[in-house]
Protein backbone atom coordinates (compact mmCIF):
# COMPACT_ATOMS: atom_id res chain seq x y z
CA UNK A 1 0.00 0.00 0.00
CA UNK A 2 2.01 3.03 1.21
CA UNK A 3 1.46 6.74 0.79
CA UNK A 4 2.02 8.79 -2.35
CA UNK A 5 5.22 10.80 -2.50
CA UNK A 6 4.35 14.42 -1.85
CA UNK A 7 1.17 13.46 0.02
CA UNK A 8 0.18 15.37 3.14
CA UNK A 9 1.29 12.61 5.54
CA UNK A 10 4.41 11.60 3.59
CA UNK A 11 6.89 13.95 5.39
CA UNK A 12 5.63 12.83 8.80
CA UNK A 13 6.03 9.15 7.97
CA UNK A 14 9.46 9.77 6.45
CA UNK A 15 10.61 11.46 9.67
CA UNK A 16 9.19 8.68 11.87
CA UNK A 17 10.95 5.92 9.94
CA UNK A 18 14.16 7.87 9.51
CA UNK A 19 14.22 8.57 13.24
CA UNK A 20 13.93 4.82 13.90
CA UNK A 21 16.81 4.13 11.53
CA UNK A 22 19.01 6.88 13.03
CA UNK A 23 18.44 5.67 16.60
CA UNK A 24 19.18 2.08 15.60
CA UNK A 25 22.33 3.20 13.75
CA UNK A 26 23.67 4.89 16.89
CA UNK A 27 22.46 2.31 19.45
CA UNK A 28 24.10 -0.49 17.49
CA UNK A 29 27.36 1.48 17.47
CA UNK A 30 27.46 1.59 13.69
CA UNK A 31 28.84 5.14 13.72
CA UNK A 32 31.93 3.76 15.47
CA UNK A 33 32.05 0.42 13.62
CA UNK A 34 31.78 2.05 10.19
CA UNK A 35 33.82 5.10 11.25
CA UNK A 36 30.89 7.08 9.94
CA UNK A 37 28.88 10.25 10.20
CA UNK A 38 25.30 10.16 8.99
CA UNK A 39 23.72 13.33 7.60
CA UNK A 40 20.01 13.38 6.85
CA UNK A 41 17.17 15.65 5.84
CA UNK A 42 13.72 14.02 5.99
CA UNK A 43 14.19 10.72 4.14
CA UNK A 44 17.35 11.69 2.25
CA UNK A 45 20.66 10.80 3.84
CA UNK A 46 24.39 10.42 3.23
CA UNK A 47 26.73 8.22 5.22
CA UNK A 48 30.30 9.51 5.27
CA UNK A 49 32.46 6.53 6.19
CA UNK A 50 36.17 6.10 6.46
CA UNK A 51 36.92 2.83 4.69
CA UNK A 52 33.70 0.98 5.59
CA UNK A 53 31.25 2.41 3.05
CA UNK A 54 30.30 -0.91 1.45
CA UNK A 55 29.60 -2.46 4.86
CA UNK A 56 27.52 0.60 5.87
CA UNK A 57 25.49 0.34 2.66
CA UNK A 58 24.86 -3.39 3.09
CA UNK A 59 23.82 -2.94 6.73
CA UNK A 60 21.53 -0.04 5.79
CA UNK A 61 19.87 -2.08 3.04
CA UNK A 62 19.22 -4.91 5.54
CA UNK A 63 17.72 -2.54 8.12
CA UNK A 64 15.55 -0.78 5.53
CA UNK A 65 14.32 -4.18 4.37
CA UNK A 66 13.33 -5.08 7.93
CA UNK A 67 11.42 -1.78 8.13
CA UNK A 68 9.75 -2.75 4.82
CA UNK A 69 11.27 0.30 3.13
CA UNK A 70 13.08 0.42 -0.19
CA UNK A 71 16.02 2.60 -1.09
CA UNK A 72 15.99 4.53 -4.36
CA UNK A 73 18.49 2.56 -6.44
CA UNK A 74 19.04 5.46 -8.86
CA UNK A 75 20.20 7.70 -5.99
CA UNK A 76 22.05 5.01 -3.98
CA UNK A 77 25.74 4.73 -4.73
CA UNK A 78 29.20 4.52 -3.23
CA UNK A 79 31.53 7.46 -3.79
CA UNK A 80 34.97 8.40 -2.54
CA UNK A 81 34.07 11.88 -1.32
CA UNK A 82 37.76 12.80 -1.22
CA UNK A 83 38.05 12.31 -4.97
CA UNK A 84 34.58 12.14 -6.53
CA UNK A 85 31.60 14.46 -6.69
CA UNK A 86 28.07 13.57 -5.65
CA UNK A 87 24.71 15.26 -5.29
CA UNK A 88 22.80 15.61 -2.04
CA UNK A 89 19.62 17.68 -1.75
CA UNK A 90 20.19 19.30 -5.16
CA UNK A 91 23.68 20.37 -4.13
CA UNK A 92 26.66 19.05 -6.04
CA UNK A 93 29.45 18.40 -3.57
CA UNK A 94 32.60 18.68 -5.60
CA UNK A 95 35.33 19.50 -3.13
CA UNK A 96 36.95 17.16 -0.64
CA UNK A 97 34.44 16.19 2.04
CA UNK A 98 35.46 15.12 5.51
CA UNK A 99 33.35 13.56 8.23
CA UNK A 100 34.64 16.11 10.75
CA UNK A 101 33.42 19.60 9.89
CA UNK A 102 35.64 22.49 10.81
CA UNK A 103 33.77 24.83 13.15
CA UNK A 104 32.32 27.77 11.23
CA UNK A 105 33.24 26.36 7.82
CA UNK A 106 30.25 25.68 5.55
CA UNK A 107 30.14 22.61 3.31
CA UNK A 108 31.00 23.81 -0.16
CA UNK A 109 29.00 22.77 -3.14
CA UNK A 110 27.05 24.04 -6.10
CA UNK A 111 23.29 24.01 -6.40
CA UNK A 112 22.19 21.93 -9.38
CA UNK A 113 18.86 21.07 -10.89
CA UNK A 114 18.01 17.41 -10.50
C-alpha atoms as a PDB file:
ATOM      1  CA  UNK A   1       0.000   0.000   0.000  1.00  0.00           C
ATOM      2  CA  UNK A   2       2.012   3.034   1.214  1.00  0.00           C
ATOM      3  CA  UNK A   3       1.460   6.736   0.792  1.00  0.00           C
ATOM      4  CA  UNK A   4       2.015   8.785  -2.346  1.00  0.00           C
ATOM      5  CA  UNK A   5       5.215  10.803  -2.498  1.00  0.00           C
ATOM      6  CA  UNK A   6       4.354  14.420  -1.847  1.00  0.00           C
ATOM      7  CA  UNK A   7       1.175  13.458   0.022  1.00  0.00           C
ATOM      8  CA  UNK A   8       0.180  15.366   3.135  1.00  0.00           C
ATOM      9  CA  UNK A   9       1.292  12.613   5.544  1.00  0.00           C
ATOM     10  CA  UNK A  10       4.414  11.598   3.586  1.00  0.00           C
ATOM     11  CA  UNK A  11       6.891  13.952   5.386  1.00  0.00           C
ATOM     12  CA  UNK A  12       5.627  12.833   8.802  1.00  0.00           C
ATOM     13  CA  UNK A  13       6.028   9.150   7.967  1.00  0.00           C
ATOM     14  CA  UNK A  14       9.457   9.773   6.454  1.00  0.00           C
ATOM     15  CA  UNK A  15      10.608  11.457   9.665  1.00  0.00           C
ATOM     16  CA  UNK A  16       9.190   8.684  11.868  1.00  0.00           C
ATOM     17  CA  UNK A  17      10.949   5.915   9.944  1.00  0.00           C
ATOM     18  CA  UNK A  18      14.161   7.869   9.507  1.00  0.00           C
ATOM     19  CA  UNK A  19      14.221   8.571  13.237  1.00  0.00           C
ATOM     20  CA  UNK A  20      13.931   4.815  13.904  1.00  0.00           C
ATOM     21  CA  UNK A  21      16.809   4.130  11.529  1.00  0.00           C
ATOM     22  CA  UNK A  22      19.014   6.882  13.026  1.00  0.00           C
ATOM     23  CA  UNK A  23      18.440   5.675  16.597  1.00  0.00           C
ATOM     24  CA  UNK A  24      19.179   2.082  15.600  1.00  0.00           C
ATOM     25  CA  UNK A  25      22.331   3.195  13.754  1.00  0.00           C
ATOM     26  CA  UNK A  26      23.671   4.888  16.893  1.00  0.00           C
ATOM     27  CA  UNK A  27      22.458   2.307  19.448  1.00  0.00           C
ATOM     28  CA  UNK A  28      24.104  -0.489  17.487  1.00  0.00           C
ATOM     29  CA  UNK A  29      27.361   1.482  17.468  1.00  0.00           C
ATOM     30  CA  UNK A  30      27.462   1.588  13.686  1.00  0.00           C
ATOM     31  CA  UNK A  31      28.845   5.139  13.716  1.00  0.00           C
ATOM     32  CA  UNK A  32      31.935   3.757  15.467  1.00  0.00           C
ATOM     33  CA  UNK A  33      32.048   0.420  13.618  1.00  0.00           C
ATOM     34  CA  UNK A  34      31.779   2.047  10.192  1.00  0.00           C
ATOM     35  CA  UNK A  35      33.823   5.100  11.254  1.00  0.00           C
ATOM     36  CA  UNK A  36      30.886   7.079   9.944  1.00  0.00           C
ATOM     37  CA  UNK A  37      28.883  10.254  10.197  1.00  0.00           C
ATOM     38  CA  UNK A  38      25.296  10.157   8.985  1.00  0.00           C
ATOM     39  CA  UNK A  39      23.718  13.328   7.598  1.00  0.00           C
ATOM     40  CA  UNK A  40      20.009  13.383   6.851  1.00  0.00           C
ATOM     41  CA  UNK A  41      17.167  15.645   5.841  1.00  0.00           C
ATOM     42  CA  UNK A  42      13.719  14.019   5.994  1.00  0.00           C
ATOM     43  CA  UNK A  43      14.188  10.722   4.139  1.00  0.00           C
ATOM     44  CA  UNK A  44      17.355  11.690   2.252  1.00  0.00           C
ATOM     45  CA  UNK A  45      20.663  10.800   3.836  1.00  0.00           C
ATOM     46  CA  UNK A  46      24.387  10.423   3.233  1.00  0.00           C
ATOM     47  CA  UNK A  47      26.730   8.219   5.217  1.00  0.00           C
ATOM     48  CA  UNK A  48      30.301   9.514   5.270  1.00  0.00           C
ATOM     49  CA  UNK A  49      32.459   6.531   6.193  1.00  0.00           C
ATOM     50  CA  UNK A  50      36.173   6.100   6.460  1.00  0.00           C
ATOM     51  CA  UNK A  51      36.920   2.832   4.687  1.00  0.00           C
ATOM     52  CA  UNK A  52      33.701   0.981   5.589  1.00  0.00           C
ATOM     53  CA  UNK A  53      31.247   2.408   3.053  1.00  0.00           C
ATOM     54  CA  UNK A  54      30.305  -0.914   1.455  1.00  0.00           C
ATOM     55  CA  UNK A  55      29.595  -2.457   4.863  1.00  0.00           C
ATOM     56  CA  UNK A  56      27.524   0.595   5.866  1.00  0.00           C
ATOM     57  CA  UNK A  57      25.492   0.344   2.658  1.00  0.00           C
ATOM     58  CA  UNK A  58      24.861  -3.393   3.087  1.00  0.00           C
ATOM     59  CA  UNK A  59      23.819  -2.935   6.730  1.00  0.00           C
ATOM     60  CA  UNK A  60      21.532  -0.038   5.792  1.00  0.00           C
ATOM     61  CA  UNK A  61      19.869  -2.082   3.044  1.00  0.00           C
ATOM     62  CA  UNK A  62      19.216  -4.915   5.535  1.00  0.00           C
ATOM     63  CA  UNK A  63      17.716  -2.539   8.119  1.00  0.00           C
ATOM     64  CA  UNK A  64      15.554  -0.778   5.531  1.00  0.00           C
ATOM     65  CA  UNK A  65      14.323  -4.180   4.368  1.00  0.00           C
ATOM     66  CA  UNK A  66      13.325  -5.080   7.931  1.00  0.00           C
ATOM     67  CA  UNK A  67      11.421  -1.780   8.131  1.00  0.00           C
ATOM     68  CA  UNK A  68       9.746  -2.749   4.818  1.00  0.00           C
ATOM     69  CA  UNK A  69      11.266   0.301   3.126  1.00  0.00           C
ATOM     70  CA  UNK A  70      13.082   0.424  -0.185  1.00  0.00           C
ATOM     71  CA  UNK A  71      16.021   2.599  -1.094  1.00  0.00           C
ATOM     72  CA  UNK A  72      15.990   4.533  -4.365  1.00  0.00           C
ATOM     73  CA  UNK A  73      18.491   2.556  -6.445  1.00  0.00           C
ATOM     74  CA  UNK A  74      19.041   5.455  -8.864  1.00  0.00           C
ATOM     75  CA  UNK A  75      20.203   7.695  -5.989  1.00  0.00           C
ATOM     76  CA  UNK A  76      22.047   5.014  -3.982  1.00  0.00           C
ATOM     77  CA  UNK A  77      25.741   4.726  -4.732  1.00  0.00           C
ATOM     78  CA  UNK A  78      29.204   4.520  -3.235  1.00  0.00           C
ATOM     79  CA  UNK A  79      31.533   7.456  -3.789  1.00  0.00           C
ATOM     80  CA  UNK A  80      34.974   8.397  -2.539  1.00  0.00           C
ATOM     81  CA  UNK A  81      34.072  11.882  -1.324  1.00  0.00           C
ATOM     82  CA  UNK A  82      37.758  12.801  -1.216  1.00  0.00           C
ATOM     83  CA  UNK A  83      38.054  12.309  -4.971  1.00  0.00           C
ATOM     84  CA  UNK A  84      34.576  12.136  -6.528  1.00  0.00           C
ATOM     85  CA  UNK A  85      31.598  14.464  -6.687  1.00  0.00           C
ATOM     86  CA  UNK A  86      28.068  13.568  -5.653  1.00  0.00           C
ATOM     87  CA  UNK A  87      24.706  15.261  -5.292  1.00  0.00           C
ATOM     88  CA  UNK A  88      22.801  15.612  -2.041  1.00  0.00           C
ATOM     89  CA  UNK A  89      19.619  17.684  -1.750  1.00  0.00           C
ATOM     90  CA  UNK A  90      20.185  19.303  -5.160  1.00  0.00           C
ATOM     91  CA  UNK A  91      23.679  20.374  -4.134  1.00  0.00           C
ATOM     92  CA  UNK A  92      26.664  19.055  -6.038  1.00  0.00           C
ATOM     93  CA  UNK A  93      29.449  18.398  -3.565  1.00  0.00           C
ATOM     94  CA  UNK A  94      32.602  18.684  -5.599  1.00  0.00           C
ATOM     95  CA  UNK A  95      35.330  19.504  -3.131  1.00  0.00           C
ATOM     96  CA  UNK A  96      36.953  17.165  -0.640  1.00  0.00           C
ATOM     97  CA  UNK A  97      34.444  16.186   2.042  1.00  0.00           C
ATOM     98  CA  UNK A  98      35.461  15.124   5.514  1.00  0.00           C
ATOM     99  CA  UNK A  99      33.352  13.555   8.231  1.00  0.00           C
ATOM    100  CA  UNK A 100      34.635  16.114  10.749  1.00  0.00           C
ATOM    101  CA  UNK A 101      33.421  19.602   9.891  1.00  0.00           C
ATOM    102  CA  UNK A 102      35.642  22.490  10.815  1.00  0.00           C
ATOM    103  CA  UNK A 103      33.768  24.834  13.147  1.00  0.00           C
ATOM    104  CA  UNK A 104      32.323  27.766  11.232  1.00  0.00           C
ATOM    105  CA  UNK A 105      33.240  26.358   7.824  1.00  0.00           C
ATOM    106  CA  UNK A 106      30.252  25.684   5.552  1.00  0.00           C
ATOM    107  CA  UNK A 107      30.135  22.610   3.307  1.00  0.00           C
ATOM    108  CA  UNK A 108      31.002  23.812  -0.163  1.00  0.00           C
ATOM    109  CA  UNK A 109      28.998  22.772  -3.140  1.00  0.00           C
ATOM    110  CA  UNK A 110      27.048  24.041  -6.095  1.00  0.00           C
ATOM    111  CA  UNK A 111      23.285  24.008  -6.400  1.00  0.00           C
ATOM    112  CA  UNK A 112      22.189  21.928  -9.375  1.00  0.00           C
ATOM    113  CA  UNK A 113      18.864  21.071 -10.889  1.00  0.00           C
ATOM    114  CA  UNK A 114      18.014  17.409 -10.504  1.00  0.00           C
END
